[in-house]
PDB file of N, CA and C in Angstrom:
ATOM      1  N   MET A   1     -41.625 127.484 -42.495  1.00  0.00           N
ATOM      2  CA  MET A   1     -41.537 128.584 -43.270  1.00  0.00           C
ATOM      3  C   MET A   1     -40.594 127.991 -44.985  1.00  0.00           C
ATOM      4  N   GLU A   2     -39.163 126.931 -44.734  1.00  0.00           N
ATOM      5  CA  GLU A   2     -38.388 126.930 -44.833  1.00  0.00           C
ATOM      6  C   GLU A   2     -38.888 125.729 -44.967  1.00  0.00           C
ATOM      7  N   GLY A   3     -39.112 125.093 -44.965  1.00  0.00           N
ATOM      8  CA  GLY A   3     -40.107 123.777 -45.515  1.00  0.00           C
ATOM      9  C   GLY A   3     -40.934 123.462 -46.435  1.00  0.00           C
ATOM     10  N   ASN A   4     -41.424 124.614 -46.246  1.00  0.00           N
ATOM     11  CA  ASN A   4     -42.222 124.567 -46.829  1.00  0.00           C
ATOM     12  C   ASN A   4     -42.928 125.337 -47.879  1.00  0.00           C
ATOM     13  N   LEU A   5     -40.820 126.439 -48.612  1.00  0.00           N
ATOM     14  CA  LEU A   5     -41.116 126.642 -49.734  1.00  0.00           C
ATOM     15  C   LEU A   5     -39.844 125.900 -50.060  1.00  0.00           C
ATOM     16  N   ARG A   6     -39.230 125.185 -49.212  1.00  0.00           N
ATOM     17  CA  ARG A   6     -38.645 123.636 -50.435  1.00  0.00           C
ATOM     18  C   ARG A   6     -39.183 122.712 -51.240  1.00  0.00           C
ATOM     19  N   GLU A   7     -40.934 122.647 -50.137  1.00  0.00           N
ATOM     20  CA  GLU A   7     -41.752 121.890 -51.029  1.00  0.00           C
ATOM     21  C   GLU A   7     -42.923 122.136 -52.114  1.00  0.00           C
ATOM     22  N   ILE A   8     -42.162 123.497 -52.260  1.00  0.00           N
ATOM     23  CA  ILE A   8     -43.095 124.406 -53.184  1.00  0.00           C
ATOM     24  C   ILE A   8     -41.760 124.823 -54.444  1.00  0.00           C
ATOM     25  N   PHE A   9     -40.781 124.247 -53.865  1.00  0.00           N
ATOM     26  CA  PHE A   9     -40.493 124.655 -55.200  1.00  0.00           C
ATOM     27  C   PHE A   9     -40.053 122.765 -55.730  1.00  0.00           C
ATOM     28  N   GLY A  10     -39.891 122.226 -54.876  1.00  0.00           N
ATOM     29  CA  GLY A  10     -39.790 120.789 -55.617  1.00  0.00           C
ATOM     30  C   GLY A  10     -41.052 120.828 -56.462  1.00  0.00           C
ATOM     31  N   TYR A  11     -42.189 121.162 -55.735  1.00  0.00           N
ATOM     32  CA  TYR A  11     -43.621 120.973 -56.871  1.00  0.00           C
ATOM     33  C   TYR A  11     -43.578 121.938 -58.574  1.00  0.00           C
ATOM     34  N   VAL A  12     -43.353 123.184 -57.849  1.00  0.00           N
ATOM     35  CA  VAL A  12     -42.893 124.101 -58.956  1.00  0.00           C
ATOM     36  C   VAL A  12     -41.248 122.715 -60.202  1.00  0.00           C
ATOM     37  N   LEU A  13     -40.264 122.796 -59.882  1.00  0.00           N
ATOM     38  CA  LEU A  13     -39.773 122.632 -60.301  1.00  0.00           C
ATOM     39  C   LEU A  13     -40.196 120.529 -60.897  1.00  0.00           C
ATOM     40  N   ARG A  14     -41.084 120.144 -60.109  1.00  0.00           N
ATOM     41  CA  ARG A  14     -41.818 118.929 -61.346  1.00  0.00           C
ATOM     42  C   ARG A  14     -42.240 118.810 -62.295  1.00  0.00           C
ATOM     43  N   GLU A  15     -43.347 120.109 -61.878  1.00  0.00           N
ATOM     44  CA  GLU A  15     -44.270 120.105 -62.837  1.00  0.00           C
ATOM     45  C   GLU A  15     -43.433 121.193 -64.711  1.00  0.00           C
ATOM     46  N   LEU A  16     -42.487 121.771 -63.543  1.00  0.00           N
ATOM     47  CA  LEU A  16     -41.985 122.501 -64.879  1.00  0.00           C
ATOM     48  C   LEU A  16     -40.798 121.052 -65.787  1.00  0.00           C
ATOM     49  N   ARG A  17     -40.173 120.068 -65.715  1.00  0.00           N
ATOM     50  CA  ARG A  17     -39.644 119.269 -65.563  1.00  0.00           C
ATOM     51  C   ARG A  17     -40.606 118.158 -66.589  1.00  0.00           C
ATOM     52  N   VAL A  18     -41.884 117.668 -65.923  1.00  0.00           N
ATOM     53  CA  VAL A  18     -43.207 117.277 -66.745  1.00  0.00           C
ATOM     54  C   VAL A  18     -43.069 117.730 -67.779  1.00  0.00           C
ATOM     55  N   GLY A  19     -43.158 118.621 -67.220  1.00  0.00           N
ATOM     56  CA  GLY A  19     -44.485 119.931 -68.839  1.00  0.00           C
ATOM     57  C   GLY A  19     -43.377 119.557 -69.534  1.00  0.00           C
ATOM     58  N   ARG A  20     -41.928 119.409 -69.986  1.00  0.00           N
ATOM     59  CA  ARG A  20     -41.043 119.409 -70.357  1.00  0.00           C
ATOM     60  C   ARG A  20     -40.900 117.851 -71.128  1.00  0.00           C
ATOM     61  N   GLY A  21     -41.865 117.451 -70.678  1.00  0.00           N
ATOM     62  CA  GLY A  21     -41.010 115.467 -70.855  1.00  0.00           C
ATOM     63  C   GLY A  21     -39.899 114.896 -70.414  1.00  0.00           C
ATOM     64  N   ALA A  22     -39.645 115.534 -69.445  1.00  0.00           N
ATOM     65  CA  ALA A  22     -38.436 115.559 -69.178  1.00  0.00           C
ATOM     66  C   ALA A  22     -37.643 114.463 -68.078  1.00  0.00           C
ATOM     67  N   THR A  23     -37.450 113.672 -68.076  1.00  0.00           N
ATOM     68  CA  THR A  23     -36.364 112.707 -66.570  1.00  0.00           C
ATOM     69  C   THR A  23     -35.900 113.256 -65.755  1.00  0.00           C
ATOM     70  N   GLN A  24     -35.761 113.172 -64.929  1.00  0.00           N
ATOM     71  CA  GLN A  24     -35.123 113.416 -63.696  1.00  0.00           C
ATOM     72  C   GLN A  24     -33.413 113.615 -63.905  1.00  0.00           C
ATOM     73  N   GLN A  25     -33.321 112.429 -64.535  1.00  0.00           N
ATOM     74  CA  GLN A  25     -32.264 111.967 -65.467  1.00  0.00           C
ATOM     75  C   GLN A  25     -31.323 113.082 -66.355  1.00  0.00           C
ATOM     76  N   GLU A  26     -32.345 113.597 -67.665  1.00  0.00           N
ATOM     77  CA  GLU A  26     -32.246 114.568 -67.955  1.00  0.00           C
ATOM     78  C   GLU A  26     -31.453 115.614 -67.722  1.00  0.00           C
ATOM     79  N   VAL A  27     -32.842 115.670 -66.685  1.00  0.00           N
ATOM     80  CA  VAL A  27     -32.344 117.411 -65.987  1.00  0.00           C
ATOM     81  C   VAL A  27     -31.176 117.481 -65.608  1.00  0.00           C
ATOM     82  N   ALA A  28     -30.601 116.422 -64.095  1.00  0.00           N
ATOM     83  CA  ALA A  28     -29.739 116.103 -64.112  1.00  0.00           C
ATOM     84  C   ALA A  28     -28.496 116.637 -65.444  1.00  0.00           C
ATOM     85  N   ASP A  29     -28.249 114.991 -66.293  1.00  0.00           N
ATOM     86  CA  ASP A  29     -27.349 116.090 -67.371  1.00  0.00           C
ATOM     87  C   ASP A  29     -26.829 116.578 -67.669  1.00  0.00           C
ATOM     88  N   ASN A  30     -27.569 117.522 -67.737  1.00  0.00           N
ATOM     89  CA  ASN A  30     -28.274 119.090 -68.443  1.00  0.00           C
ATOM     90  C   ASN A  30     -27.201 120.036 -67.433  1.00  0.00           C
ATOM     91  N   CYS A  31     -27.605 119.655 -66.045  1.00  0.00           N
ATOM     92  CA  CYS A  31     -27.193 121.018 -65.142  1.00  0.00           C
ATOM     93  C   CYS A  31     -26.287 120.473 -64.412  1.00  0.00           C
ATOM     94  N   ASP A  32     -24.972 119.157 -64.685  1.00  0.00           N
ATOM     95  CA  ASP A  32     -24.205 118.541 -63.548  1.00  0.00           C
ATOM     96  C   ASP A  32     -24.531 118.187 -62.732  1.00  0.00           C
ATOM     97  N   PHE A  33     -25.856 117.397 -62.248  1.00  0.00           N
ATOM     98  CA  PHE A  33     -25.957 117.344 -61.320  1.00  0.00           C
ATOM     99  C   PHE A  33     -26.297 115.398 -61.271  1.00  0.00           C
ATOM    100  N   GLU A  34     -25.906 115.244 -59.637  1.00  0.00           N
ATOM    101  CA  GLU A  34     -26.824 113.647 -60.330  1.00  0.00           C
ATOM    102  C   GLU A  34     -28.122 113.324 -60.096  1.00  0.00           C
ATOM    103  N   ARG A  35     -29.081 112.483 -60.122  1.00  0.00           N
ATOM    104  CA  ARG A  35     -30.422 112.256 -60.301  1.00  0.00           C
ATOM    105  C   ARG A  35     -30.770 112.604 -58.729  1.00  0.00           C
ATOM    106  N   VAL A  36     -30.397 111.955 -57.840  1.00  0.00           N
ATOM    107  CA  VAL A  36     -31.063 111.468 -56.875  1.00  0.00           C
ATOM    108  C   VAL A  36     -30.696 113.026 -56.164  1.00  0.00           C
ATOM    109  N   PHE A  37     -30.256 114.774 -57.084  1.00  0.00           N
ATOM    110  CA  PHE A  37     -30.096 115.524 -56.082  1.00  0.00           C
ATOM    111  C   PHE A  37     -31.781 116.123 -57.018  1.00  0.00           C
ATOM    112  N   ILE A  38     -32.341 116.339 -58.124  1.00  0.00           N
ATOM    113  CA  ILE A  38     -32.875 116.539 -58.695  1.00  0.00           C
ATOM    114  C   ILE A  38     -34.157 115.468 -57.845  1.00  0.00           C
ATOM    115  N   SER A  39     -33.643 115.063 -56.893  1.00  0.00           N
ATOM    116  CA  SER A  39     -35.360 113.413 -56.470  1.00  0.00           C
ATOM    117  C   SER A  39     -35.473 115.129 -55.519  1.00  0.00           C
ATOM    118  N   ARG A  40     -34.438 114.707 -55.145  1.00  0.00           N
ATOM    119  CA  ARG A  40     -34.228 115.583 -53.130  1.00  0.00           C
ATOM    120  C   ARG A  40     -34.642 117.058 -53.400  1.00  0.00           C
ATOM    121  N   LEU A  41     -34.493 117.619 -53.957  1.00  0.00           N
ATOM    122  CA  LEU A  41     -34.924 118.766 -54.798  1.00  0.00           C
ATOM    123  C   LEU A  41     -37.221 118.468 -55.036  1.00  0.00           C
ATOM    124  N   GLU A  42     -37.406 117.800 -55.190  1.00  0.00           N
ATOM    125  CA  GLU A  42     -38.305 117.978 -55.910  1.00  0.00           C
ATOM    126  C   GLU A  42     -38.999 117.809 -54.747  1.00  0.00           C
ATOM    127  N   ARG A  43     -38.907 116.637 -53.849  1.00  0.00           N
ATOM    128  CA  ARG A  43     -39.709 116.263 -52.710  1.00  0.00           C
ATOM    129  C   ARG A  43     -39.394 117.004 -51.705  1.00  0.00           C
ATOM    130  N   GLY A  44     -38.623 118.188 -51.514  1.00  0.00           N
ATOM    131  CA  GLY A  44     -38.347 119.243 -50.831  1.00  0.00           C
ATOM    132  C   GLY A  44     -37.334 119.007 -49.014  1.00  0.00           C
ATOM    133  N   LEU A  45     -36.461 118.176 -50.167  1.00  0.00           N
ATOM    134  CA  LEU A  45     -35.946 117.322 -49.164  1.00  0.00           C
ATOM    135  C   LEU A  45     -33.897 118.528 -48.690  1.00  0.00           C
ATOM    136  N   VAL A  46     -34.320 119.106 -49.690  1.00  0.00           N
ATOM    137  CA  VAL A  46     -33.336 119.870 -49.625  1.00  0.00           C
ATOM    138  C   VAL A  46     -33.619 121.551 -50.300  1.00  0.00           C
ATOM    139  N   GLN A  47     -32.825 122.181 -50.745  1.00  0.00           N
ATOM    140  CA  GLN A  47     -32.749 124.006 -50.632  1.00  0.00           C
ATOM    141  C   GLN A  47     -31.717 124.103 -51.643  1.00  0.00           C
ATOM    142  N   PRO A  48     -32.210 124.472 -52.871  1.00  0.00           N
ATOM    143  CA  PRO A  48     -30.907 124.840 -53.808  1.00  0.00           C
ATOM    144  C   PRO A  48     -30.364 125.791 -53.311  1.00  0.00           C
ATOM    145  N   SER A  49     -29.707 126.266 -54.228  1.00  0.00           N
ATOM    146  CA  SER A  49     -28.716 127.285 -53.961  1.00  0.00           C
ATOM    147  C   SER A  49     -29.078 127.779 -55.089  1.00  0.00           C
ATOM    148  N   LEU A  50     -28.057 129.328 -55.287  1.00  0.00           N
ATOM    149  CA  LEU A  50     -28.591 130.612 -55.873  1.00  0.00           C
ATOM    150  C   LEU A  50     -27.844 129.478 -57.916  1.00  0.00           C
ATOM    151  N   ILE A  51     -26.998 129.207 -57.166  1.00  0.00           N
ATOM    152  CA  ILE A  51     -25.975 128.400 -58.677  1.00  0.00           C
ATOM    153  C   ILE A  51     -27.105 127.139 -59.152  1.00  0.00           C
ATOM    154  N   THR A  52     -28.090 126.313 -57.802  1.00  0.00           N
ATOM    155  CA  THR A  52     -28.363 125.659 -58.953  1.00  0.00           C
ATOM    156  C   THR A  52     -29.601 126.474 -59.395  1.00  0.00           C
ATOM    157  N   LEU A  53     -30.257 127.063 -58.783  1.00  0.00           N
ATOM    158  CA  LEU A  53     -31.652 127.513 -59.622  1.00  0.00           C
ATOM    159  C   LEU A  53     -30.934 128.967 -60.698  1.00  0.00           C
ATOM    160  N   PHE A  54     -30.386 129.389 -61.400  1.00  0.00           N
ATOM    161  CA  PHE A  54     -29.274 129.948 -62.329  1.00  0.00           C
ATOM    162  C   PHE A  54     -29.362 128.218 -63.227  1.00  0.00           C
ATOM    163  N   LYS A  55     -29.000 127.465 -63.376  1.00  0.00           N
ATOM    164  CA  LYS A  55     -28.373 126.276 -63.519  1.00  0.00           C
ATOM    165  C   LYS A  55     -30.279 125.472 -64.508  1.00  0.00           C
ATOM    166  N   LEU A  56     -30.826 125.483 -62.647  1.00  0.00           N
ATOM    167  CA  LEU A  56     -31.935 124.985 -63.397  1.00  0.00           C
ATOM    168  C   LEU A  56     -32.858 125.918 -64.740  1.00  0.00           C
ATOM    169  N   ALA A  57     -32.827 126.716 -64.643  1.00  0.00           N
ATOM    170  CA  ALA A  57     -33.466 128.377 -65.332  1.00  0.00           C
ATOM    171  C   ALA A  57     -32.462 128.026 -66.498  1.00  0.00           C
ATOM    172  N   GLU A  58     -31.654 128.430 -66.629  1.00  0.00           N
ATOM    173  CA  GLU A  58     -31.145 127.664 -67.816  1.00  0.00           C
ATOM    174  C   GLU A  58     -31.387 126.147 -68.158  1.00  0.00           C
ATOM    175  N   PHE A  59     -31.378 125.661 -67.782  1.00  0.00           N
ATOM    176  CA  PHE A  59     -32.390 123.924 -68.506  1.00  0.00           C
ATOM    177  C   PHE A  59     -33.872 124.436 -69.289  1.00  0.00           C
ATOM    178  N   PHE A  60     -34.176 124.548 -68.307  1.00  0.00           N
ATOM    179  CA  PHE A  60     -36.288 125.626 -68.847  1.00  0.00           C
ATOM    180  C   PHE A  60     -35.725 126.529 -69.494  1.00  0.00           C
ATOM    181  N   GLU A  61     -34.615 126.892 -69.841  1.00  0.00           N
ATOM    182  CA  GLU A  61     -34.907 128.111 -70.981  1.00  0.00           C
ATOM    183  C   GLU A  61     -35.568 129.597 -70.419  1.00  0.00           C
ATOM    184  N   MET A  62     -35.899 129.748 -68.960  1.00  0.00           N
ATOM    185  CA  MET A  62     -36.088 131.043 -68.074  1.00  0.00           C
ATOM    186  C   MET A  62     -35.403 131.682 -67.408  1.00  0.00           C
ATOM    187  N   PRO A  63     -35.671 132.670 -67.292  1.00  0.00           N
ATOM    188  CA  PRO A  63     -34.695 133.731 -66.505  1.00  0.00           C
ATOM    189  C   PRO A  63     -35.060 133.409 -65.196  1.00  0.00           C
ATOM    190  N   PRO A  64     -34.292 132.954 -64.258  1.00  0.00           N
ATOM    191  CA  PRO A  64     -33.965 132.206 -63.252  1.00  0.00           C
ATOM    192  C   PRO A  64     -35.267 133.439 -61.899  1.00  0.00           C
ATOM    193  N   GLU A  65     -35.196 134.378 -62.340  1.00  0.00           N
ATOM    194  CA  GLU A  65     -36.223 135.671 -61.309  1.00  0.00           C
ATOM    195  C   GLU A  65     -38.281 134.639 -61.820  1.00  0.00           C
ATOM    196  N   ASP A  66     -37.886 134.422 -63.440  1.00  0.00           N
ATOM    197  CA  ASP A  66     -39.457 133.870 -63.553  1.00  0.00           C
ATOM    198  C   ASP A  66     -39.423 132.589 -62.253  1.00  0.00           C
ATOM    199  N   MET A  67     -38.668 131.616 -62.203  1.00  0.00           N
ATOM    200  CA  MET A  67     -38.650 130.242 -61.476  1.00  0.00           C
ATOM    201  C   MET A  67     -38.674 131.116 -59.618  1.00  0.00           C
ATOM    202  N   VAL A  68     -38.871 131.740 -59.603  1.00  0.00           N
ATOM    203  CA  VAL A  68     -38.628 132.434 -58.293  1.00  0.00           C
ATOM    204  C   VAL A  68     -39.872 133.424 -58.548  1.00  0.00           C
ATOM    205  N   ARG A  69     -41.213 133.873 -59.584  1.00  0.00           N
ATOM    206  CA  ARG A  69     -41.774 134.238 -59.282  1.00  0.00           C
ATOM    207  C   ARG A  69     -42.480 133.511 -59.622  1.00  0.00           C
ATOM    208  N   LEU A  70     -42.907 131.979 -60.280  1.00  0.00           N
ATOM    209  CA  LEU A  70     -44.014 130.540 -60.629  1.00  0.00           C
ATOM    210  C   LEU A  70     -43.472 129.808 -59.386  1.00  0.00           C
ATOM    211  N   VAL A  71     -42.287 130.159 -58.016  1.00  0.00           N
ATOM    212  CA  VAL A  71     -42.392 129.660 -56.148  1.00  0.00           C
ATOM    213  C   VAL A  71     -43.451 130.433 -55.680  1.00  0.00           C
ATOM    214  N   SER A  72     -43.351 131.691 -55.956  1.00  0.00           N
ATOM    215  CA  SER A  72     -44.182 132.443 -54.934  1.00  0.00           C
ATOM    216  C   SER A  72     -45.569 132.389 -55.055  1.00  0.00           C
ATOM    217  N   GLU A  73     -46.031 132.576 -56.747  1.00  0.00           N
ATOM    218  CA  GLU A  73     -47.102 132.212 -56.842  1.00  0.00           C
ATOM    219  C   GLU A  73     -48.187 131.492 -56.325  1.00  0.00           C
ATOM    220  N   ARG A  74     -46.899 130.013 -56.696  1.00  0.00           N
ATOM    221  CA  ARG A  74     -47.618 128.664 -56.177  1.00  0.00           C
ATOM    222  C   ARG A  74     -47.793 129.156 -54.300  1.00  0.00           C
ATOM    223  N   ARG A  75     -46.373 130.094 -53.559  1.00  0.00           N
ATOM    224  CA  ARG A  75     -46.670 129.730 -52.083  1.00  0.00           C
ATOM    225  C   ARG A  75     -47.790 130.895 -52.055  1.00  0.00           C
ATOM    226  N   LYS A  76     -48.625 131.242 -53.028  1.00  0.00           N
ATOM    227  CA  LYS A  76     -49.402 132.476 -52.408  1.00  0.00           C
ATOM    228  C   LYS A  76     -50.628 131.342 -52.715  1.00  0.00           C
ATOM    229  N   LYS A  77     -50.951 130.527 -54.024  1.00  0.00           N
ATOM    230  CA  LYS A  77     -52.658 129.201 -53.195  1.00  0.00           C
ATOM    231  C   LYS A  77     -51.973 128.540 -52.787  1.00  0.00           C
ATOM    232  N   THR A  78     -51.008 128.143 -52.426  1.00  0.00           N
ATOM    233  CA  THR A  78     -50.377 126.810 -51.095  1.00  0.00           C
ATOM    234  C   THR A  78     -51.697 127.786 -49.691  1.00  0.00           C
ATOM    235  N   LYS A  79     -51.478 129.104 -49.359  1.00  0.00           N
ATOM    236  CA  LYS A  79     -51.890 129.614 -48.586  1.00  0.00           C
ATOM    237  C   LYS A  79     -53.320 130.155 -48.040  1.00  0.00           C
ATOM    238  N   LYS A  80     -53.781 129.656 -49.399  1.00  0.00           N
ATOM    239  CA  LYS A  80     -55.611 129.667 -49.628  1.00  0.00           C
ATOM    240  C   LYS A  80     -55.385 128.223 -49.628  1.00  0.00           C
ATOM    241  N   ASP A  81     -54.688 127.175 -49.976  1.00  0.00           N
ATOM    242  CA  ASP A  81     -55.265 126.296 -49.578  1.00  0.00           C
ATOM    243  C   ASP A  81     -53.432 125.191 -49.329  1.00  0.00           C
ATOM    244  N   PRO A  82     -53.490 124.514 -48.148  1.00  0.00           N
ATOM    245  CA  PRO A  82     -52.230 124.427 -47.701  1.00  0.00           C
ATOM    246  C   PRO A  82     -52.022 123.127 -48.558  1.00  0.00           C
ATOM    247  N   ASP A  83     -52.727 122.228 -49.274  1.00  0.00           N
ATOM    248  CA  ASP A  83     -53.071 120.697 -48.971  1.00  0.00           C
ATOM    249  C   ASP A  83     -53.479 120.688 -50.763  1.00  0.00           C
ATOM    250  N   ALA A  84     -52.481 121.942 -51.517  1.00  0.00           N
ATOM    251  CA  ALA A  84     -52.753 122.485 -52.663  1.00  0.00           C
ATOM    252  C   ALA A  84     -50.581 121.370 -53.881  1.00  0.00           C
ATOM    253  N   ASN A  85     -49.863 121.957 -52.726  1.00  0.00           N
ATOM    254  CA  ASN A  85     -49.069 121.263 -53.158  1.00  0.00           C
ATOM    255  C   ASN A  85     -48.746 119.100 -53.454  1.00  0.00           C
ATOM    256  N   ARG A  86     -49.470 118.648 -51.934  1.00  0.00           N
ATOM    257  CA  ARG A  86     -49.681 117.505 -51.277  1.00  0.00           C
ATOM    258  C   ARG A  86     -50.652 116.849 -52.501  1.00  0.00           C
ATOM    259  N   ALA A  87     -51.501 117.372 -53.085  1.00  0.00           N
ATOM    260  CA  ALA A  87     -52.614 116.807 -53.964  1.00  0.00           C
ATOM    261  C   ALA A  87     -52.021 116.127 -55.174  1.00  0.00           C
ATOM    262  N   SER A  88     -51.243 117.149 -55.304  1.00  0.00           N
ATOM    263  CA  SER A  88     -51.169 116.615 -57.271  1.00  0.00           C
ATOM    264  C   SER A  88     -49.623 117.031 -57.505  1.00  0.00           C
ATOM    265  N   SER A  89     -49.154 116.380 -56.390  1.00  0.00           N
ATOM    266  CA  SER A  89     -47.276 116.874 -56.395  1.00  0.00           C
ATOM    267  C   SER A  89     -47.086 114.929 -56.826  1.00  0.00           C
ATOM    268  N   ARG A  90     -48.048 114.384 -55.974  1.00  0.00           N
ATOM    269  CA  ARG A  90     -47.276 113.105 -55.609  1.00  0.00           C
ATOM    270  C   ARG A  90     -48.934 112.185 -56.113  1.00  0.00           C
ATOM    271  N   ARG A  91     -47.804 111.702 -58.212  1.00  0.00           N
ATOM    272  CA  ARG A  91     -49.358 111.571 -58.787  1.00  0.00           C
ATOM    273  C   ARG A  91     -48.429 109.377 -58.832  1.00  0.00           C
TER     274      ARG A  91
END
């Protein structure tokens, strides 16, 4: 389950970033992260900490709980269609 949540968080992060028209470098610079860290988050290779979640939420100008809600909603969709994240997140 943990790996699946990392992947879902990464999918949501990428969708938010692309929707905003931001690069990984722009997100990283604004959140005081390395670009490779954003890449690893988006690929579901690392799990975000609470501090990371708050910094990212601030960048996207939303409450952290909204990011958690988006992950939760995506998780429900993924349970219905296990390939939902893979199909559209790897463009």
